[in-house]
């Protein structure tokens, strides 16, 4: 839940980096919410296209946060947010994008910011450690 809230708080922040865990927990929570909405509507006995209205409204509400999180996830790997359009390549685009989202980010700071896993350790590495 904290990852979902964190992503929603940064709903329009297309800069910086995000961890794999944040990306996948956000998507898992969205799937649970959508399944819950459909389940509640099914329990109410509504069987026409009215099911799509609440689901569509929810999906519309999470478009910008989802895009921002995806861009930050790509930044974690040192890639531009434009790599999001890899999904548009027929056949291999979706697979390649899935691999990109599952790949660990760069260990050290990159042009998009510090490593979100260990921001303090990265700062120390950037400053330098003197050997005795």
C-alpha atoms as a PDB file:
ATOM      1  CA  UNK A   1       0.000   0.000   0.000  1.00  0.00           C
ATOM      2  CA  UNK A   2       2.835   2.421   0.771  1.00  0.00           C
ATOM      3  CA  UNK A   3       4.232   1.968  -2.753  1.00  0.00           C
ATOM      4  CA  UNK A   4       0.856   2.790  -4.277  1.00  0.00           C
ATOM      5  CA  UNK A   5       0.530   5.909  -2.129  1.00  0.00           C
ATOM      6  CA  UNK A   6       4.096   6.949  -2.940  1.00  0.00           C
ATOM      7  CA  UNK A   7       3.427   6.630  -6.671  1.00  0.00           C
ATOM      8  CA  UNK A   8       0.186   8.596  -6.370  1.00  0.00           C
ATOM      9  CA  UNK A   9       1.914  11.378  -4.411  1.00  0.00           C
ATOM     10  CA  UNK A  10       4.431  11.695  -7.250  1.00  0.00           C
ATOM     11  CA  UNK A  11       1.627  11.534  -9.822  1.00  0.00           C
ATOM     12  CA  UNK A  12       3.119  14.078 -12.223  1.00  0.00           C
ATOM     13  CA  UNK A  13       6.816  13.746 -11.373  1.00  0.00           C
ATOM     14  CA  UNK A  14       8.535  12.539 -14.531  1.00  0.00           C
ATOM     15  CA  UNK A  15      12.029  13.108 -13.120  1.00  0.00           C
ATOM     16  CA  UNK A  16      14.062  10.934 -10.814  1.00  0.00           C
ATOM     17  CA  UNK A  17      14.128   7.171 -10.418  1.00  0.00           C
ATOM     18  CA  UNK A  18      11.785   4.463  -9.127  1.00  0.00           C
ATOM     19  CA  UNK A  19      12.500   0.934  -7.979  1.00  0.00           C
ATOM     20  CA  UNK A  20      11.106  -2.242  -9.513  1.00  0.00           C
ATOM     21  CA  UNK A  21       9.192  -2.884  -6.317  1.00  0.00           C
ATOM     22  CA  UNK A  22       7.408   0.456  -6.535  1.00  0.00           C
ATOM     23  CA  UNK A  23       6.478  -0.170 -10.188  1.00  0.00           C
ATOM     24  CA  UNK A  24       5.187  -3.704  -9.703  1.00  0.00           C
ATOM     25  CA  UNK A  25       3.379  -3.015  -6.417  1.00  0.00           C
ATOM     26  CA  UNK A  26       1.614  -0.061  -8.041  1.00  0.00           C
ATOM     27  CA  UNK A  27       0.490  -2.261 -10.934  1.00  0.00           C
ATOM     28  CA  UNK A  28      -0.553  -5.083  -8.603  1.00  0.00           C
ATOM     29  CA  UNK A  29      -2.618  -2.692  -6.493  1.00  0.00           C
ATOM     30  CA  UNK A  30      -4.256  -1.283  -9.641  1.00  0.00           C
ATOM     31  CA  UNK A  31      -5.164  -4.802 -10.780  1.00  0.00           C
ATOM     32  CA  UNK A  32      -6.673  -5.566  -7.366  1.00  0.00           C
ATOM     33  CA  UNK A  33      -8.722  -2.355  -7.447  1.00  0.00           C
ATOM     34  CA  UNK A  34     -10.020  -3.033 -10.967  1.00  0.00           C
ATOM     35  CA  UNK A  35     -10.905  -6.643 -10.123  1.00  0.00           C
ATOM     36  CA  UNK A  36     -12.662  -5.413  -6.970  1.00  0.00           C
ATOM     37  CA  UNK A  37     -14.697  -2.857  -8.913  1.00  0.00           C
ATOM     38  CA  UNK A  38     -15.748  -5.488 -11.454  1.00  0.00           C
ATOM     39  CA  UNK A  39     -16.549  -7.939  -8.645  1.00  0.00           C
ATOM     40  CA  UNK A  40     -18.747  -5.463  -6.785  1.00  0.00           C
ATOM     41  CA  UNK A  41     -20.606  -4.587  -9.977  1.00  0.00           C
ATOM     42  CA  UNK A  42     -21.079  -8.296 -10.741  1.00  0.00           C
ATOM     43  CA  UNK A  43     -22.486  -8.842  -7.237  1.00  0.00           C
ATOM     44  CA  UNK A  44     -24.944  -6.032  -7.842  1.00  0.00           C
ATOM     45  CA  UNK A  45     -26.178  -7.930 -10.885  1.00  0.00           C
ATOM     46  CA  UNK A  46     -25.355  -5.295 -13.477  1.00  0.00           C
ATOM     47  CA  UNK A  47     -24.635  -7.081 -16.751  1.00  0.00           C
ATOM     48  CA  UNK A  48     -24.425  -4.416 -19.418  1.00  0.00           C
ATOM     49  CA  UNK A  49     -21.772  -1.918 -20.384  1.00  0.00           C
ATOM     50  CA  UNK A  50     -22.297  -0.009 -17.131  1.00  0.00           C
ATOM     51  CA  UNK A  51     -19.443  -2.130 -15.753  1.00  0.00           C
ATOM     52  CA  UNK A  52     -17.031  -0.226 -17.934  1.00  0.00           C
ATOM     53  CA  UNK A  53     -17.901   3.227 -16.568  1.00  0.00           C
ATOM     54  CA  UNK A  54     -16.326   2.903 -13.076  1.00  0.00           C
ATOM     55  CA  UNK A  55     -13.402   0.888 -14.450  1.00  0.00           C
ATOM     56  CA  UNK A  56     -12.870   3.464 -17.193  1.00  0.00           C
ATOM     57  CA  UNK A  57     -13.010   6.341 -14.723  1.00  0.00           C
ATOM     58  CA  UNK A  58     -10.471   4.655 -12.458  1.00  0.00           C
ATOM     59  CA  UNK A  59      -8.157   3.907 -15.381  1.00  0.00           C
ATOM     60  CA  UNK A  60      -8.481   7.511 -16.533  1.00  0.00           C
ATOM     61  CA  UNK A  61      -7.500   8.654 -13.031  1.00  0.00           C
ATOM     62  CA  UNK A  62      -4.309   6.568 -13.030  1.00  0.00           C
ATOM     63  CA  UNK A  63      -3.062   7.355 -16.555  1.00  0.00           C
ATOM     64  CA  UNK A  64      -0.719  10.189 -15.532  1.00  0.00           C
ATOM     65  CA  UNK A  65       0.615   8.487 -12.359  1.00  0.00           C
ATOM     66  CA  UNK A  66       1.221   5.305 -14.349  1.00  0.00           C
ATOM     67  CA  UNK A  67       3.079   7.131 -17.125  1.00  0.00           C
ATOM     68  CA  UNK A  68       5.174   9.064 -14.599  1.00  0.00           C
ATOM     69  CA  UNK A  69       6.066   5.890 -12.709  1.00  0.00           C
ATOM     70  CA  UNK A  70       7.002   4.096 -15.934  1.00  0.00           C
ATOM     71  CA  UNK A  71       9.280   6.969 -16.970  1.00  0.00           C
ATOM     72  CA  UNK A  72      10.947   6.977 -13.536  1.00  0.00           C
ATOM     73  CA  UNK A  73      11.383   3.195 -13.778  1.00  0.00           C
ATOM     74  CA  UNK A  74      13.139   3.612 -17.126  1.00  0.00           C
ATOM     75  CA  UNK A  75      15.284   6.368 -15.616  1.00  0.00           C
ATOM     76  CA  UNK A  76      16.396   3.884 -12.944  1.00  0.00           C
ATOM     77  CA  UNK A  77      18.009   1.888 -15.739  1.00  0.00           C
ATOM     78  CA  UNK A  78      19.614   4.960 -17.261  1.00  0.00           C
ATOM     79  CA  UNK A  79      17.179   5.034 -20.189  1.00  0.00           C
ATOM     80  CA  UNK A  80      15.091   7.879 -21.516  1.00  0.00           C
ATOM     81  CA  UNK A  81      11.365   7.938 -20.884  1.00  0.00           C
ATOM     82  CA  UNK A  82      10.867   7.671 -24.638  1.00  0.00           C
ATOM     83  CA  UNK A  83      11.720   3.969 -24.324  1.00  0.00           C
ATOM     84  CA  UNK A  84       8.114   3.640 -23.182  1.00  0.00           C
ATOM     85  CA  UNK A  85       7.183   3.526 -26.858  1.00  0.00           C
ATOM     86  CA  UNK A  86       9.074   0.246 -27.266  1.00  0.00           C
ATOM     87  CA  UNK A  87       5.689  -1.343 -26.531  1.00  0.00           C
ATOM     88  CA  UNK A  88       4.486  -0.137 -29.931  1.00  0.00           C
ATOM     89  CA  UNK A  89       6.853  -2.458 -31.810  1.00  0.00           C
ATOM     90  CA  UNK A  90       4.801  -5.438 -33.017  1.00  0.00           C
ATOM     91  CA  UNK A  91       5.546  -8.866 -31.533  1.00  0.00           C
ATOM     92  CA  UNK A  92       8.770  -8.110 -29.652  1.00  0.00           C
ATOM     93  CA  UNK A  93       7.915  -4.696 -28.181  1.00  0.00           C
ATOM     94  CA  UNK A  94       5.779  -5.981 -25.330  1.00  0.00           C
ATOM     95  CA  UNK A  95       8.278  -8.685 -24.414  1.00  0.00           C
ATOM     96  CA  UNK A  96      11.197  -6.264 -24.550  1.00  0.00           C
ATOM     97  CA  UNK A  97       9.299  -3.757 -22.416  1.00  0.00           C
ATOM     98  CA  UNK A  98       8.453  -6.451 -19.857  1.00  0.00           C
ATOM     99  CA  UNK A  99      12.143  -7.350 -19.658  1.00  0.00           C
ATOM    100  CA  UNK A 100      13.014  -3.659 -19.221  1.00  0.00           C
ATOM    101  CA  UNK A 101      10.562  -3.339 -16.333  1.00  0.00           C
ATOM    102  CA  UNK A 102      11.959  -6.487 -14.661  1.00  0.00           C
ATOM    103  CA  UNK A 103      15.612  -5.506 -15.064  1.00  0.00           C
ATOM    104  CA  UNK A 104      17.384  -4.070 -12.028  1.00  0.00           C
ATOM    105  CA  UNK A 105      18.373  -0.422 -12.159  1.00  0.00           C
ATOM    106  CA  UNK A 106      21.875   0.979 -12.202  1.00  0.00           C
ATOM    107  CA  UNK A 107      23.667   0.534  -8.879  1.00  0.00           C
ATOM    108  CA  UNK A 108      25.183   3.994  -8.728  1.00  0.00           C
ATOM    109  CA  UNK A 109      23.847   7.452  -9.383  1.00  0.00           C
ATOM    110  CA  UNK A 110      23.088   8.186 -13.012  1.00  0.00           C
ATOM    111  CA  UNK A 111      21.999  11.279 -14.949  1.00  0.00           C
ATOM    112  CA  UNK A 112      18.487  10.925 -13.502  1.00  0.00           C
ATOM    113  CA  UNK A 113      19.455  10.846  -9.831  1.00  0.00           C
ATOM    114  CA  UNK A 114      20.640   8.650  -6.981  1.00  0.00           C
ATOM    115  CA  UNK A 115      19.885   4.952  -6.678  1.00  0.00           C
ATOM    116  CA  UNK A 116      16.474   4.739  -4.967  1.00  0.00           C
ATOM    117  CA  UNK A 117      17.522   1.553  -3.162  1.00  0.00           C
ATOM    118  CA  UNK A 118      20.484   3.129  -1.379  1.00  0.00           C
ATOM    119  CA  UNK A 119      20.505   6.917  -1.762  1.00  0.00           C
ATOM    120  CA  UNK A 120      22.815   7.475   1.232  1.00  0.00           C
ATOM    121  CA  UNK A 121      25.335   4.871   0.093  1.00  0.00           C
ATOM    122  CA  UNK A 122      25.406   6.432  -3.371  1.00  0.00           C
ATOM    123  CA  UNK A 123      26.132   9.850  -1.958  1.00  0.00           C
ATOM    124  CA  UNK A 124      29.069   8.431  -0.015  1.00  0.00           C
ATOM    125  CA  UNK A 125      30.342   6.673  -3.152  1.00  0.00           C
ATOM    126  CA  UNK A 126      30.052   9.903  -5.133  1.00  0.00           C
ATOM    127  CA  UNK A 127      32.035  11.807  -2.500  1.00  0.00           C
ATOM    128  CA  UNK A 128      34.647   9.099  -2.315  1.00  0.00           C
ATOM    129  CA  UNK A 129      35.972   6.877   0.394  1.00  0.00           C
ATOM    130  CA  UNK A 130      39.575   7.330   1.442  1.00  0.00           C
ATOM    131  CA  UNK A 131      41.542   4.187   2.080  1.00  0.00           C
ATOM    132  CA  UNK A 132      43.749   3.940   5.130  1.00  0.00           C
END
